[in-house]
N, C-alpha and C. Protein backbone atom coordinates (compact mmCIF):
# COMPACT_ATOMS: atom_id res chain seq x y z
N UNK A 1 156.93 141.91 146.22
CA UNK A 1 156.36 141.98 144.39
C UNK A 1 157.12 143.62 143.59
N UNK A 2 157.57 142.74 142.50
CA UNK A 2 158.55 143.97 141.59
C UNK A 2 157.38 144.53 141.19
N UNK A 3 158.42 145.85 141.01
CA UNK A 3 157.53 147.49 140.64
C UNK A 3 157.60 147.12 139.31
N UNK A 4 156.90 147.99 138.85
CA UNK A 4 156.29 148.20 136.77
C UNK A 4 157.69 148.45 136.28
N UNK A 5 158.56 149.00 137.17
CA UNK A 5 159.53 149.03 136.27
C UNK A 5 160.46 148.18 135.96
N UNK A 6 160.98 147.19 137.66
CA UNK A 6 161.41 146.18 137.37
C UNK A 6 160.52 145.18 136.66
N UNK A 7 159.27 144.88 136.77
CA UNK A 7 158.55 144.32 135.85
C UNK A 7 159.22 144.26 134.16
N UNK A 8 158.94 145.43 134.32
CA UNK A 8 158.98 145.96 132.34
C UNK A 8 161.03 145.36 132.44
N UNK A 9 161.79 146.13 132.69
CA UNK A 9 162.86 145.70 132.55
C UNK A 9 163.23 144.09 132.34
N UNK A 10 162.62 143.54 133.69
CA UNK A 10 162.64 141.81 133.11
C UNK A 10 161.95 141.20 132.09
N UNK A 11 161.01 141.64 131.22
CA UNK A 11 160.32 141.58 130.03
C UNK A 11 161.19 141.75 129.04
N UNK A 12 161.87 143.21 128.94
CA UNK A 12 162.80 143.38 127.91
C UNK A 12 163.95 142.43 127.98
N UNK A 13 164.51 141.99 129.23
CA UNK A 13 165.52 141.37 129.10
C UNK A 13 164.95 139.59 128.12
N UNK A 14 163.90 139.21 128.96
CA UNK A 14 163.88 138.13 128.55
C UNK A 14 163.20 137.88 127.29
N UNK A 15 162.78 139.18 126.67
CA UNK A 15 162.51 139.51 125.41
C UNK A 15 163.73 139.38 124.74
N UNK A 16 164.94 139.67 125.02
CA UNK A 16 166.37 139.65 124.21
C UNK A 16 166.72 138.51 124.25
N UNK A 17 166.77 137.71 125.06
CA UNK A 17 166.75 136.13 125.16
C UNK A 17 165.86 135.37 124.55
N UNK A 18 164.52 135.73 124.23
CA UNK A 18 163.90 134.78 123.06
C UNK A 18 164.50 135.35 121.88
N UNK A 19 164.76 136.94 121.43
CA UNK A 19 164.88 137.20 119.89
C UNK A 19 166.38 136.18 119.93
N UNK A 20 167.39 136.24 120.91
CA UNK A 20 168.16 135.49 120.08
C UNK A 20 167.95 133.72 120.11
N UNK A 21 167.39 133.31 120.67
CA UNK A 21 166.84 132.04 120.35
C UNK A 21 166.02 132.06 119.07
N UNK A 22 165.37 133.01 118.70
CA UNK A 22 164.55 132.97 117.56
C UNK A 22 165.77 133.36 116.60
N UNK A 23 166.60 134.14 116.50
CA UNK A 23 167.71 134.31 115.42
C UNK A 23 168.67 132.83 115.62
N UNK A 24 168.41 132.17 116.04
CA UNK A 24 168.99 130.67 115.89
C UNK A 24 168.42 130.38 115.13
N UNK A 25 166.75 130.20 115.82
CA UNK A 25 165.91 129.26 114.80
C UNK A 25 166.00 129.52 113.52
N UNK A 26 165.88 131.10 113.50
CA UNK A 26 165.89 131.59 112.16
C UNK A 26 166.81 131.31 111.28
N UNK A 27 167.84 131.28 111.21
CA UNK A 27 169.44 130.94 111.03
C UNK A 27 168.78 129.55 110.43
N UNK A 28 168.92 128.89 111.50
CA UNK A 28 168.68 127.24 111.37
C UNK A 28 167.80 126.60 110.71
N UNK A 29 166.72 127.42 110.30
CA UNK A 29 165.62 126.92 109.02
C UNK A 29 166.18 127.57 107.86
N UNK A 30 166.38 128.47 107.75
CA UNK A 30 167.26 128.90 106.57
C UNK A 30 168.10 127.96 105.71
N UNK A 31 169.46 127.95 106.62
CA UNK A 31 170.77 127.19 106.28
C UNK A 31 170.50 125.67 105.95
N UNK A 32 169.47 125.29 106.74
CA UNK A 32 169.09 123.81 107.11
C UNK A 32 168.57 123.46 105.89
N UNK A 33 167.91 124.12 105.16
CA UNK A 33 166.94 123.80 103.50
C UNK A 33 168.23 123.35 102.75
N UNK A 34 169.71 123.77 103.16
CA UNK A 34 170.46 124.15 101.90
C UNK A 34 171.36 122.89 102.76
N UNK A 35 171.24 122.08 103.84
CA UNK A 35 172.41 120.89 104.16
C UNK A 35 173.67 121.81 105.12
N UNK A 36 173.59 123.05 105.64
CA UNK A 36 174.15 123.63 106.13
C UNK A 36 173.84 123.80 107.70
N UNK A 37 174.84 123.38 108.51
CA UNK A 37 174.47 123.68 109.58
C UNK A 37 175.10 124.86 110.27
N UNK A 38 173.81 126.18 110.13
CA UNK A 38 175.24 126.96 110.36
C UNK A 38 175.82 126.95 111.88
N UNK A 39 175.18 126.44 112.86
CA UNK A 39 176.18 126.64 114.62
C UNK A 39 177.35 126.71 114.09
N UNK A 40 177.93 125.43 113.30
CA UNK A 40 179.14 124.81 112.99
C UNK A 40 180.01 125.99 112.13
N UNK A 41 179.29 127.36 111.66
CA UNK A 41 179.91 128.49 111.30
C UNK A 41 179.69 129.76 111.55
N UNK A 42 179.33 129.76 112.55
CA UNK A 42 178.97 130.92 113.38
C UNK A 42 179.71 131.19 114.76
N UNK A 43 180.35 132.22 115.05
CA UNK A 43 180.91 132.53 116.95
C UNK A 43 179.74 133.11 117.16
N UNK A 44 179.96 133.21 118.78
CA UNK A 44 179.24 133.88 119.68
C UNK A 44 178.79 135.10 119.50
N UNK A 45 179.28 135.84 118.72
CA UNK A 45 178.83 137.05 118.25
C UNK A 45 178.04 137.14 117.12
N UNK A 46 178.01 136.30 116.05
CA UNK A 46 177.19 135.92 115.02
C UNK A 46 175.43 135.42 116.12
N UNK A 47 175.69 134.95 116.55
CA UNK A 47 174.39 134.29 117.44
C UNK A 47 173.94 135.54 118.20
N UNK A 48 174.80 136.26 118.82
CA UNK A 48 174.08 137.66 119.41
C UNK A 48 173.57 138.33 119.02
N UNK A 49 174.44 138.84 117.86
CA UNK A 49 173.88 139.61 116.84
C UNK A 49 172.48 139.48 115.60
N UNK A 50 172.57 138.20 115.45
CA UNK A 50 171.35 138.03 113.97
C UNK A 50 170.33 138.26 114.96
N UNK A 51 169.32 138.06 115.85
CA UNK A 51 168.26 139.33 115.81
C UNK A 51 168.71 140.34 115.66
N UNK A 52 169.27 141.06 115.60
CA UNK A 52 169.36 142.19 115.46
C UNK A 52 169.64 142.68 114.10
N UNK A 53 170.81 141.71 113.44
CA UNK A 53 170.47 142.26 112.39
C UNK A 53 169.13 141.43 110.87
N UNK A 54 168.29 140.58 111.66
CA UNK A 54 167.47 139.71 110.82
C UNK A 54 166.22 141.24 111.04
N UNK A 55 166.06 141.67 112.16
CA UNK A 55 165.48 142.96 112.35
C UNK A 55 165.67 144.48 111.75
N UNK A 56 166.78 144.80 111.68
CA UNK A 56 167.37 145.86 110.90
C UNK A 56 167.74 145.24 109.38
N UNK A 57 167.18 144.23 108.70
CA UNK A 57 167.29 143.97 107.43
C UNK A 57 166.48 144.61 106.62
N UNK A 58 165.36 145.07 107.20
CA UNK A 58 163.85 146.02 106.25
C UNK A 58 163.33 146.95 107.07
N UNK A 59 163.12 147.70 106.74
CA UNK A 59 162.98 148.85 107.39
C UNK A 59 161.30 148.87 108.11
N UNK A 60 160.79 148.33 106.83
CA UNK A 60 158.99 148.43 107.65
C UNK A 60 158.98 146.84 108.96
N UNK A 61 160.04 146.13 108.64
CA UNK A 61 160.51 145.10 109.73
C UNK A 61 160.66 145.97 110.98
N UNK A 62 161.85 146.94 110.77
CA UNK A 62 162.30 147.51 112.22
C UNK A 62 161.40 148.03 112.49
N UNK A 63 160.34 148.96 111.81
CA UNK A 63 159.37 149.97 112.32
C UNK A 63 158.41 149.48 113.36
N UNK A 64 157.73 148.01 112.61
CA UNK A 64 157.21 147.22 113.57
C UNK A 64 157.90 147.09 114.72
N UNK A 65 158.62 146.19 114.53
CA UNK A 65 159.09 145.89 115.52
C UNK A 65 159.25 146.73 116.78
N UNK A 66 159.84 148.16 116.59
CA UNK A 66 160.46 149.18 117.55
C UNK A 66 158.79 149.76 118.12
N UNK A 67 158.02 149.28 117.40
CA UNK A 67 156.36 149.89 117.85
C UNK A 67 156.20 149.16 118.69
N UNK A 68 156.32 147.39 118.03
CA UNK A 68 155.51 146.87 119.75
C UNK A 68 156.54 146.55 120.81
N UNK A 69 157.84 147.23 120.94
CA UNK A 69 158.21 147.16 121.93
C UNK A 69 157.80 148.35 122.65
N UNK A 70 158.15 149.31 121.81
CA UNK A 70 157.62 150.79 122.94
C UNK A 70 156.14 150.23 123.43
N UNK A 71 155.65 149.66 122.58
CA UNK A 71 153.88 149.57 123.30
C UNK A 71 154.17 149.13 124.28
N UNK A 72 154.92 147.76 124.17
CA UNK A 72 155.13 147.24 125.43
C UNK A 72 155.47 148.13 126.54
N UNK A 73 156.40 148.79 126.29
CA UNK A 73 157.12 149.83 127.73
C UNK A 73 156.23 150.70 128.03
N UNK A 74 155.23 151.95 126.80
CA UNK A 74 154.46 153.01 127.23
C UNK A 74 152.88 152.57 127.08
N UNK A 75 152.42 151.46 127.09
CA UNK A 75 150.72 151.15 127.22
C UNK A 75 150.75 151.00 128.72
N UNK A 76 151.35 150.20 129.34
CA UNK A 76 150.88 149.63 130.84
C UNK A 76 150.98 151.05 131.14
N UNK A 77 151.96 151.59 131.09
CA UNK A 77 151.91 152.93 132.05
C UNK A 77 150.91 153.86 131.92
N UNK A 78 150.19 153.67 131.01
CA UNK A 78 148.86 155.16 130.55
C UNK A 78 147.76 153.92 130.59
N UNK A 79 147.87 153.02 131.24
CA UNK A 79 146.60 151.94 131.40
C UNK A 79 145.91 152.85 132.24
N UNK A 80 146.15 153.42 133.35
CA UNK A 80 145.07 153.58 134.10
C UNK A 80 144.21 154.92 133.93
N UNK A 81 144.77 155.80 133.10
CA UNK A 81 144.35 156.80 131.86
C UNK A 81 143.42 156.97 131.12
N UNK A 82 143.34 155.26 130.43
CA UNK A 82 143.00 154.75 129.57
C UNK A 82 141.90 153.82 129.97
N UNK A 83 142.06 153.18 130.65
CA UNK A 83 140.80 152.17 131.40
C UNK A 83 139.23 152.38 131.19
N UNK A 84 139.24 154.21 131.45
CA UNK A 84 137.97 154.63 131.33
C UNK A 84 137.25 154.89 129.62
N UNK A 85 138.36 154.64 128.65
CA UNK A 85 138.12 154.27 127.40
C UNK A 85 137.48 153.21 126.46
N UNK A 86 136.48 153.21 126.18
CA UNK A 86 135.63 152.06 125.37
C UNK A 86 136.85 151.42 124.70
N UNK A 87 137.26 152.05 123.55
CA UNK A 87 138.04 150.88 122.67
C UNK A 87 139.48 150.61 123.11
N UNK A 88 139.78 151.19 124.62
CA UNK A 88 141.00 150.14 125.29
C UNK A 88 140.13 149.21 125.98
N UNK A 89 139.04 149.29 126.15
CA UNK A 89 138.56 148.38 127.22
C UNK A 89 138.16 146.88 126.20
N UNK A 90 137.43 147.53 125.66
CA UNK A 90 136.56 146.42 124.37
C UNK A 90 138.53 145.99 123.70
N UNK A 91 139.29 146.38 123.37
CA UNK A 91 140.29 145.94 123.21
C UNK A 91 141.43 144.50 123.76
N UNK A 92 141.45 145.03 125.19
CA UNK A 92 142.34 144.53 126.21
C UNK A 92 141.26 143.42 126.72
N UNK A 93 140.17 143.72 126.82
CA UNK A 93 138.65 142.91 127.16
C UNK A 93 138.78 142.59 128.69
N UNK A 94 139.15 143.95 129.11
CA UNK A 94 138.61 144.45 130.67
C UNK A 94 137.54 144.92 131.30
N UNK A 95 137.98 144.26 131.85
CA UNK A 95 136.76 143.63 133.39
C UNK A 95 137.58 144.67 134.19
N UNK A 96 137.27 145.59 134.63
CA UNK A 96 137.51 146.94 135.72
C UNK A 96 137.39 146.28 137.17
N UNK A 97 137.23 145.29 137.25
CA UNK A 97 136.80 144.92 138.87
C UNK A 97 137.55 144.33 139.28
N UNK A 98 137.96 144.70 140.02
CA UNK A 98 139.13 143.29 141.03
C UNK A 98 140.22 143.33 139.99
N UNK A 99 140.56 143.56 139.26
CA UNK A 99 141.65 143.51 138.57
C UNK A 99 142.72 144.72 138.21
N UNK A 100 144.42 144.37 138.27
CA UNK A 100 145.11 145.63 138.29
C UNK A 100 145.14 145.87 137.03
N UNK A 101 144.27 147.19 136.09
CA UNK A 101 144.76 147.26 134.75
C UNK A 101 145.66 147.05 134.33
N UNK A 102 147.06 147.38 134.68
CA UNK A 102 148.10 147.61 134.09
C UNK A 102 148.92 146.25 134.14
N UNK A 103 148.89 145.46 134.68
CA UNK A 103 148.92 144.19 134.95
C UNK A 103 148.80 142.96 133.64
N UNK A 104 147.19 143.26 133.28
CA UNK A 104 146.19 143.20 132.35
C UNK A 104 146.97 143.44 130.42
N UNK A 105 147.05 144.84 131.02
CA UNK A 105 147.56 144.95 130.03
C UNK A 105 149.30 145.02 130.04
N UNK A 106 150.12 144.63 130.41
CA UNK A 106 151.04 144.09 130.15
C UNK A 106 151.17 142.55 129.71
N UNK A 107 150.71 141.68 130.34
CA UNK A 107 150.64 140.81 130.10
C UNK A 107 150.05 140.14 128.44
N UNK A 108 148.96 141.19 128.11
CA UNK A 108 148.15 140.81 126.57
C UNK A 108 149.26 141.07 125.89
N UNK A 109 150.01 142.53 125.91
CA UNK A 109 150.82 142.82 124.92
C UNK A 109 152.02 142.18 125.15
N UNK A 110 152.20 141.40 126.51
CA UNK A 110 153.65 140.69 126.31
C UNK A 110 153.16 139.60 125.25
N UNK A 111 152.07 138.63 125.22
CA UNK A 111 152.05 137.65 124.72
C UNK A 111 151.61 138.35 123.22
N UNK A 112 151.10 139.34 122.98
CA UNK A 112 150.99 139.19 121.75
C UNK A 112 152.40 139.56 121.10
N UNK A 113 153.47 140.50 121.79
CA UNK A 113 154.81 140.42 121.38
C UNK A 113 155.58 139.23 121.21
N UNK A 114 155.63 138.44 121.53
CA UNK A 114 155.84 137.20 121.79
C UNK A 114 155.51 136.17 120.28
N UNK A 115 154.35 136.36 120.35
CA UNK A 115 153.60 135.88 118.92
C UNK A 115 154.16 136.39 117.63
N UNK A 116 154.05 137.86 117.54
CA UNK A 116 154.29 138.48 116.57
C UNK A 116 156.34 137.98 116.25
N UNK A 117 156.55 138.29 117.52
CA UNK A 117 158.34 138.13 116.78
C UNK A 117 158.39 136.50 116.59
N UNK A 118 157.85 135.39 117.39
CA UNK A 118 157.82 134.22 116.28
C UNK A 118 157.71 134.12 115.47
N UNK A 119 156.59 134.64 115.18
CA UNK A 119 156.00 134.71 113.47
C UNK A 119 157.26 135.39 112.54
N UNK A 120 157.78 136.51 112.72
CA UNK A 120 158.27 136.72 112.38
C UNK A 120 159.77 135.83 111.80
N UNK A 121 160.72 135.48 112.89
CA UNK A 121 161.38 135.12 112.97
C UNK A 121 161.63 133.47 112.54
N UNK A 122 160.70 132.79 112.56
CA UNK A 122 160.16 131.42 112.28
C UNK A 122 159.52 131.54 110.65
N UNK A 123 158.61 132.16 110.79
CA UNK A 123 158.32 132.26 109.32
C UNK A 123 159.18 132.75 108.10
N UNK A 124 159.82 134.23 108.42
CA UNK A 124 161.08 134.74 107.36
C UNK A 124 162.17 133.30 107.54
N UNK A 125 162.83 132.21 108.57
CA UNK A 125 163.81 131.93 108.24
C UNK A 125 162.77 130.79 107.43
N UNK A 126 162.21 130.17 107.30
CA UNK A 126 161.97 129.57 107.03
C UNK A 126 161.53 129.35 105.37
N UNK A 127 160.52 130.84 105.11
CA UNK A 127 159.91 131.12 104.10
C UNK A 127 161.49 131.28 102.92
N UNK A 128 162.13 132.21 103.47
CA UNK A 128 163.30 132.63 102.47
C UNK A 128 164.23 131.30 102.08
N UNK A 129 163.89 130.99 102.71
CA UNK A 129 164.71 129.31 102.36
C UNK A 129 164.03 128.67 101.24
N UNK A 130 162.51 128.44 101.72
CA UNK A 130 161.75 127.72 100.34
C UNK A 130 161.83 128.66 99.17
N UNK A 131 161.63 130.41 99.22
CA UNK A 131 161.98 130.50 98.15
C UNK A 131 162.67 130.86 97.34
N UNK A 132 163.93 130.82 97.87
CA UNK A 132 165.16 130.70 97.50
C UNK A 132 165.35 128.96 96.77
N UNK A 133 164.94 128.07 97.42
CA UNK A 133 165.28 126.59 97.06
C UNK A 133 164.08 126.45 95.42
N UNK A 134 163.04 127.17 95.62
CA UNK A 134 162.33 127.03 94.45
C UNK A 134 162.96 127.83 93.34
N UNK A 135 163.63 129.20 93.10
CA UNK A 135 164.26 130.25 92.72
C UNK A 135 165.40 128.82 92.27
N UNK A 136 166.22 128.13 93.10
CA UNK A 136 167.56 127.06 92.31
C UNK A 136 166.62 126.25 91.70
N UNK A 137 165.74 125.41 92.10
CA UNK A 137 165.29 124.16 91.12
C UNK A 137 164.53 125.01 89.95
N UNK A 138 163.95 126.42 89.46
CA UNK A 138 163.34 126.73 88.11
C UNK A 138 164.44 127.02 87.28
N UNK A 139 165.35 127.22 88.14
CA UNK A 139 166.84 128.05 87.48
C UNK A 139 166.83 129.52 87.15
N UNK A 140 165.78 130.27 87.87
CA UNK A 140 165.40 131.50 88.62
C UNK A 140 166.73 132.82 89.33
N UNK A 141 167.70 131.71 90.11
CA UNK A 141 168.62 132.66 90.64
C UNK A 141 169.67 133.51 89.36
N UNK A 142 169.68 134.62 90.30
CA UNK A 142 170.41 135.81 89.13
C UNK A 142 171.87 135.27 88.83
N UNK A 143 172.69 135.21 90.16
CA UNK A 143 173.92 135.52 90.15
C UNK A 143 174.63 136.43 89.73
N UNK A 144 174.18 137.70 90.24
CA UNK A 144 174.62 139.18 90.16
C UNK A 144 175.68 139.73 90.94
N UNK A 145 176.47 138.68 91.83
CA UNK A 145 176.72 139.00 92.74
C UNK A 145 178.62 138.79 92.79
N UNK A 146 179.35 139.51 92.84
CA UNK A 146 180.84 139.57 92.26
C UNK A 146 181.62 139.19 93.56
N UNK A 147 182.59 138.08 93.64
CA UNK A 147 183.49 137.72 94.60
C UNK A 147 184.94 137.61 94.21
N UNK A 148 185.46 138.22 94.86
CA UNK A 148 186.85 138.43 94.29
C UNK A 148 187.53 137.56 95.69
N UNK A 149 188.62 136.89 94.64
CA UNK A 149 189.53 136.15 95.81
C UNK A 149 191.03 136.85 95.80
N UNK A 150 191.17 136.73 97.06
CA UNK A 150 192.65 137.00 97.50
C UNK A 150 194.13 136.44 96.13
N UNK A 151 193.33 135.28 95.59
CA UNK A 151 194.84 134.68 94.72
C UNK A 151 194.31 134.69 93.46
N UNK A 152 193.30 136.19 93.41
CA UNK A 152 192.97 136.85 91.72
C UNK A 152 192.04 136.35 91.36
N UNK A 153 191.14 135.32 91.50
CA UNK A 153 190.37 134.55 91.13
C UNK A 153 189.11 135.23 91.47
N UNK A 154 188.10 135.64 90.60
CA UNK A 154 186.84 136.35 90.69
C UNK A 154 185.73 135.51 89.71
N UNK A 155 184.71 134.99 91.12
CA UNK A 155 183.22 134.72 90.38
C UNK A 155 181.90 135.31 90.17
N UNK A 156 181.33 134.98 89.14
CA UNK A 156 179.99 135.43 89.47
C UNK A 156 178.97 134.63 90.16
N UNK A 157 178.61 135.14 91.32
CA UNK A 157 178.00 134.22 92.10
C UNK A 157 176.23 134.80 92.60
N UNK A 158 175.29 134.25 93.43
CA UNK A 158 174.29 134.50 94.53
C UNK A 158 174.66 134.83 95.55
N UNK A 159 175.08 135.30 96.61
CA UNK A 159 175.50 135.03 97.75
C UNK A 159 173.86 135.19 98.65
N UNK A 160 174.01 133.86 99.33
CA UNK A 160 172.58 134.33 100.06
C UNK A 160 172.99 134.55 101.77
N UNK A 161 174.20 134.61 102.00
CA UNK A 161 174.24 134.95 103.27
C UNK A 161 175.80 135.61 104.01
N UNK A 162 176.10 135.60 104.56
CA UNK A 162 177.56 136.12 105.40
C UNK A 162 177.69 135.98 106.96
N UNK A 163 178.49 135.88 107.71
CA UNK A 163 178.77 136.07 108.75
C UNK A 163 179.77 136.81 109.48
N UNK A 164 180.38 136.63 110.30
CA UNK A 164 181.47 137.64 110.33
C UNK A 164 183.17 136.96 110.01
N UNK A 165 182.63 135.41 109.98
CA UNK A 165 183.78 134.42 109.45
C UNK A 165 183.72 133.83 107.87
N UNK A 166 182.21 133.89 107.56
CA UNK A 166 182.12 132.74 106.29
C UNK A 166 181.04 133.35 105.61
N UNK A 167 181.17 133.67 104.03
CA UNK A 167 180.11 133.92 102.72
C UNK A 167 179.33 132.92 103.02
N UNK A 168 178.21 132.40 102.08
CA UNK A 168 177.56 131.70 101.51
C UNK A 168 177.12 131.88 100.37
N UNK A 169 177.52 130.81 99.33
CA UNK A 169 176.61 131.53 98.20
C UNK A 169 176.95 130.01 97.09
N UNK A 170 175.93 130.44 96.15
CA UNK A 170 175.33 129.56 95.06
C UNK A 170 176.50 130.19 93.53
N UNK A 171 176.69 129.06 93.08
CA UNK A 171 177.50 129.43 91.92
C UNK A 171 176.59 128.39 90.77
N UNK A 172 176.92 129.37 89.55
CA UNK A 172 176.09 128.66 88.43
C UNK A 172 176.29 127.36 87.85
N UNK A 173 174.87 126.64 87.98
CA UNK A 173 174.86 125.21 87.31
C UNK A 173 175.63 124.21 88.60
N UNK A 174 175.19 124.71 89.83
CA UNK A 174 175.51 123.82 90.81
C UNK A 174 174.41 123.97 91.92
N UNK A 175 173.73 123.16 92.38
CA UNK A 175 172.38 123.64 93.40
C UNK A 175 173.19 123.57 95.04
N UNK A 176 174.32 123.02 95.06
CA UNK A 176 174.53 123.40 96.23
C UNK A 176 175.48 124.60 96.87
N UNK A 177 175.35 124.73 98.19
CA UNK A 177 175.91 126.49 98.72
C UNK A 177 177.70 125.81 99.03
N UNK A 178 178.24 126.88 98.37
CA UNK A 178 179.88 127.22 98.34
C UNK A 178 179.71 127.71 99.89
N UNK A 179 180.63 127.29 100.90
CA UNK A 179 181.20 128.28 101.78
C UNK A 179 182.53 128.55 101.67
N UNK A 180 183.03 129.59 101.99
CA UNK A 180 184.29 130.26 101.84
C UNK A 180 184.14 131.26 103.26
N UNK A 181 185.41 130.54 103.78
CA UNK A 181 186.34 131.83 105.02
C UNK A 181 186.37 133.39 104.24
N UNK A 182 186.07 134.09 104.80
CA UNK A 182 186.21 135.49 104.23
C UNK A 182 187.66 135.93 104.83
N UNK A 183 188.13 135.67 105.87
CA UNK A 183 189.91 136.26 105.96
C UNK A 183 190.21 135.08 105.74
N UNK A 184 191.49 136.12 104.64
CA UNK A 184 193.03 134.93 104.07
C UNK A 184 191.90 134.56 102.92
N UNK A 185 190.71 134.54 102.10
CA UNK A 185 190.68 133.90 101.12
C UNK A 185 190.01 135.21 100.50
N UNK A 186 188.58 136.05 100.67
CA UNK A 186 187.98 136.54 99.97
C UNK A 186 188.36 138.35 99.85
N UNK A 187 188.76 138.67 99.10
CA UNK A 187 189.29 140.12 98.68
C UNK A 187 188.32 141.32 98.69
N UNK A 188 187.47 141.37 97.83
CA UNK A 188 185.88 142.18 97.95
C UNK A 188 184.86 141.10 97.47
N UNK A 189 183.47 141.63 97.96
CA UNK A 189 182.63 141.09 97.78
C UNK A 189 181.56 142.70 96.95
N UNK A 190 180.79 142.38 96.01
CA UNK A 190 180.05 143.29 95.41
C UNK A 190 178.78 142.36 95.43
N UNK A 191 177.66 142.86 95.97
CA UNK A 191 176.28 142.11 96.51
C UNK A 191 175.35 143.56 95.69
N UNK A 192 174.81 142.92 94.31
CA UNK A 192 174.25 143.61 93.68
C UNK A 192 172.36 143.12 94.02
N UNK A 193 171.84 144.00 94.85
CA UNK A 193 170.29 143.89 95.20
C UNK A 193 169.31 144.79 94.68
């Protein structure tokens, strides 16, 4: 039988693997709405860092994610001290007879965190893409970003994303996404958000 530390480590490892898969799904849902197969333009580092990039893109999302992770690590350890508290018993629907409280709390929190992260990644990937598509249809795209190329040309654009090798952007009066390699093509990028 695994110790509590080993079980927590296993959950954190599997959690990171889940985050990587969810990061791929997030990116795929977003870019596929514009006809871009993002995996063709991503290297392994982009894939491994995409969930971290997504979570750190918003301070509220980062704070909530850290809170969920801390709860998964800490709350099961405190469960034996809290098992006599009425709010704790009600929240985790504990029947203290014949069960290991720590295991029940860990399983409940693990299930909650999986649902939380699936909702965040799938919802934001699809939602951000849909919001941008609607802005393109209605002509509400700002085109406030500037891209300067090595050949001396410069354009106003709306940058919709980038990874370690490519930049994805919209140009005024075009509804398709333009993709440019960063290395050897782009001199500078100014994003005005």
